[in-house]
Amino acid sequence: MTDLRKIIREEIAVLGQVLIAQAQGPVALAEESLSEEEPREQQKVLVEQRLLGHIADGYISDADMTRLQQKIAQLDVRSRKEMLGRLARALQSGELEGRF
């Protein structure tokens, strides 16, 4: 059941990003791809730090989980899969207590 929820959340997050990109138009997409490569790597580092902080605490509240998922949804596809995989493993192994 949690895997299904994860997949649905991933797809919704991706769909939301696609809709935003479509609303901005092709010019905005071209500008974004040129100017956001470095900030995207910084975003990944920040999300990773936040995730590791929650794992160190051993618990994540529903509100923090929602914020973390929103931040993960903003990452590129590869980073998003990596962070969701880490989050899922932490939850399944018991390192992190919370609801996906």
C-alpha atoms as a PDB file:
ATOM      1  CA  MET A   1       0.000   0.000   0.000  1.00  0.00           C
ATOM      2  CA  THR A   2       2.824   2.441   0.834  1.00  0.00           C
ATOM      3  CA  ASP A   3       4.487   1.717  -2.518  1.00  0.00           C
ATOM      4  CA  LEU A   4       1.279   2.660  -4.296  1.00  0.00           C
ATOM      5  CA  ARG A   5       1.051   5.899  -2.332  1.00  0.00           C
ATOM      6  CA  LYS A   6       4.660   6.667  -3.152  1.00  0.00           C
ATOM      7  CA  ILE A   7       4.090   6.155  -6.860  1.00  0.00           C
ATOM      8  CA  ILE A   8       0.950   8.278  -6.833  1.00  0.00           C
ATOM      9  CA  ARG A   9       2.707  11.107  -4.973  1.00  0.00           C
ATOM     10  CA  GLU A  10       5.637  10.974  -7.407  1.00  0.00           C
ATOM     11  CA  GLU A  11       3.328  11.138 -10.393  1.00  0.00           C
ATOM     12  CA  ILE A  12       1.300  13.996  -8.922  1.00  0.00           C
ATOM     13  CA  ALA A  13       4.476  15.930  -8.170  1.00  0.00           C
ATOM     14  CA  VAL A  14       5.774  15.429 -11.709  1.00  0.00           C
ATOM     15  CA  LEU A  15       2.407  16.364 -13.203  1.00  0.00           C
ATOM     16  CA  GLY A  16       2.349  19.554 -11.126  1.00  0.00           C
ATOM     17  CA  GLN A  17       5.791  20.531 -12.416  1.00  0.00           C
ATOM     18  CA  VAL A  18       4.740  19.803 -16.012  1.00  0.00           C
ATOM     19  CA  LEU A  19       1.626  21.960 -15.666  1.00  0.00           C
ATOM     20  CA  ILE A  20       3.643  24.827 -14.218  1.00  0.00           C
ATOM     21  CA  ALA A  21       6.187  24.531 -17.021  1.00  0.00           C
ATOM     22  CA  GLN A  22       3.442  24.502 -19.652  1.00  0.00           C
ATOM     23  CA  ALA A  23       1.872  27.604 -18.143  1.00  0.00           C
ATOM     24  CA  GLN A  24       5.211  29.428 -18.291  1.00  0.00           C
ATOM     25  CA  GLY A  25       5.728  28.640 -21.957  1.00  0.00           C
ATOM     26  CA  PRO A  26       8.800  27.633 -23.983  1.00  0.00           C
ATOM     27  CA  VAL A  27      10.782  30.836 -23.339  1.00  0.00           C
ATOM     28  CA  ALA A  28      10.607  30.363 -19.583  1.00  0.00           C
ATOM     29  CA  LEU A  29      11.623  26.714 -19.964  1.00  0.00           C
ATOM     30  CA  ALA A  30      14.717  27.630 -21.986  1.00  0.00           C
ATOM     31  CA  GLU A  31      15.752  30.291 -19.474  1.00  0.00           C
ATOM     32  CA  GLU A  32      15.190  27.874 -16.600  1.00  0.00           C
ATOM     33  CA  SER A  33      17.362  25.147 -18.105  1.00  0.00           C
ATOM     34  CA  LEU A  34      20.252  27.573 -18.646  1.00  0.00           C
ATOM     35  CA  SER A  35      20.196  29.289 -15.278  1.00  0.00           C
ATOM     36  CA  GLU A  36      19.179  26.590 -12.795  1.00  0.00           C
ATOM     37  CA  GLU A  37      21.755  23.810 -13.206  1.00  0.00           C
ATOM     38  CA  GLU A  38      23.838  24.866 -10.199  1.00  0.00           C
ATOM     39  CA  PRO A  39      20.870  25.782  -7.982  1.00  0.00           C
ATOM     40  CA  ARG A  40      19.411  22.341  -8.700  1.00  0.00           C
ATOM     41  CA  GLU A  41      22.517  20.704  -7.269  1.00  0.00           C
ATOM     42  CA  GLN A  42      22.244  23.002  -4.258  1.00  0.00           C
ATOM     43  CA  GLN A  43      18.579  22.009  -3.894  1.00  0.00           C
ATOM     44  CA  LYS A  44      19.575  18.354  -3.858  1.00  0.00           C
ATOM     45  CA  VAL A  45      22.179  18.986  -1.164  1.00  0.00           C
ATOM     46  CA  LEU A  46      19.658  20.875   0.968  1.00  0.00           C
ATOM     47  CA  VAL A  47      17.016  18.153   0.599  1.00  0.00           C
ATOM     48  CA  GLU A  48      19.603  15.505   1.424  1.00  0.00           C
ATOM     49  CA  GLN A  49      20.672  17.408   4.553  1.00  0.00           C
ATOM     50  CA  ARG A  50      17.054  17.789   5.643  1.00  0.00           C
ATOM     51  CA  LEU A  51      16.407  14.076   5.099  1.00  0.00           C
ATOM     52  CA  LEU A  52      19.548  13.071   6.999  1.00  0.00           C
ATOM     53  CA  GLY A  53      18.534  15.393   9.834  1.00  0.00           C
ATOM     54  CA  HIS A  54      15.169  13.673  10.136  1.00  0.00           C
ATOM     55  CA  ILE A  55      16.857  10.267  10.023  1.00  0.00           C
ATOM     56  CA  ALA A  56      19.218  11.387  12.789  1.00  0.00           C
ATOM     57  CA  ASP A  57      16.193  12.475  14.847  1.00  0.00           C
ATOM     58  CA  GLY A  58      14.543   9.136  14.118  1.00  0.00           C
ATOM     59  CA  TYR A  59      11.113  10.719  13.584  1.00  0.00           C
ATOM     60  CA  ILE A  60       9.368  12.893  11.019  1.00  0.00           C
ATOM     61  CA  SER A  61       6.000  14.548  11.604  1.00  0.00           C
ATOM     62  CA  ASP A  62       3.271  14.561   8.960  1.00  0.00           C
ATOM     63  CA  ALA A  63       3.846  18.274   8.315  1.00  0.00           C
ATOM     64  CA  ASP A  64       7.612  17.781   7.923  1.00  0.00           C
ATOM     65  CA  MET A  65       6.988  14.793   5.648  1.00  0.00           C
ATOM     66  CA  THR A  66       4.750  16.921   3.431  1.00  0.00           C
ATOM     67  CA  ARG A  67       7.360  19.694   3.243  1.00  0.00           C
ATOM     68  CA  LEU A  68      10.115  17.176   2.500  1.00  0.00           C
ATOM     69  CA  GLN A  69       8.051  15.561  -0.265  1.00  0.00           C
ATOM     70  CA  GLN A  70       7.376  18.981  -1.777  1.00  0.00           C
ATOM     71  CA  LYS A  71      11.100  19.741  -1.807  1.00  0.00           C
ATOM     72  CA  ILE A  72      11.875  16.329  -3.289  1.00  0.00           C
ATOM     73  CA  ALA A  73       9.261  16.920  -6.009  1.00  0.00           C
ATOM     74  CA  GLN A  74      11.184  20.007  -7.131  1.00  0.00           C
ATOM     75  CA  LEU A  75      14.351  17.997  -7.824  1.00  0.00           C
ATOM     76  CA  ASP A  76      15.344  16.624 -11.208  1.00  0.00           C
ATOM     77  CA  VAL A  77      14.149  13.098 -11.987  1.00  0.00           C
ATOM     78  CA  ARG A  78      17.387  11.340 -11.027  1.00  0.00           C
ATOM     79  CA  SER A  79      17.784  13.192  -7.736  1.00  0.00           C
ATOM     80  CA  ARG A  80      14.100  12.780  -6.946  1.00  0.00           C
ATOM     81  CA  LYS A  81      14.311   9.001  -7.374  1.00  0.00           C
ATOM     82  CA  GLU A  82      17.450   8.903  -5.231  1.00  0.00           C
ATOM     83  CA  MET A  83      15.928  10.931  -2.388  1.00  0.00           C
ATOM     84  CA  LEU A  84      12.614   9.035  -2.474  1.00  0.00           C
ATOM     85  CA  GLY A  85      14.548   5.775  -2.393  1.00  0.00           C
ATOM     86  CA  ARG A  86      16.539   6.928   0.638  1.00  0.00           C
ATOM     87  CA  LEU A  87      13.386   8.083   2.372  1.00  0.00           C
ATOM     88  CA  ALA A  88      11.573   4.821   1.661  1.00  0.00           C
ATOM     89  CA  ARG A  89      14.525   2.728   2.865  1.00  0.00           C
ATOM     90  CA  ALA A  90      14.792   4.764   6.070  1.00  0.00           C
ATOM     91  CA  LEU A  91      11.087   4.302   6.766  1.00  0.00           C
ATOM     92  CA  GLN A  92      11.085   0.594   5.947  1.00  0.00           C
ATOM     93  CA  SER A  93      14.216  -0.152   7.971  1.00  0.00           C
ATOM     94  CA  GLY A  94      12.903   1.653  11.033  1.00  0.00           C
ATOM     95  CA  GLU A  95      15.674   4.287  10.959  1.00  0.00           C
ATOM     96  CA  LEU A  96      12.940   6.856  10.523  1.00  0.00           C
ATOM     97  CA  GLU A  97       9.513   6.724  12.082  1.00  0.00           C
ATOM     98  CA  GLY A  98       6.741   8.508  10.229  1.00  0.00           C
ATOM     99  CA  ARG A  99       4.073   8.135   7.577  1.00  0.00           C
ATOM    100  CA  PHE A 100       4.783   8.345   3.856  1.00  0.00           C
END
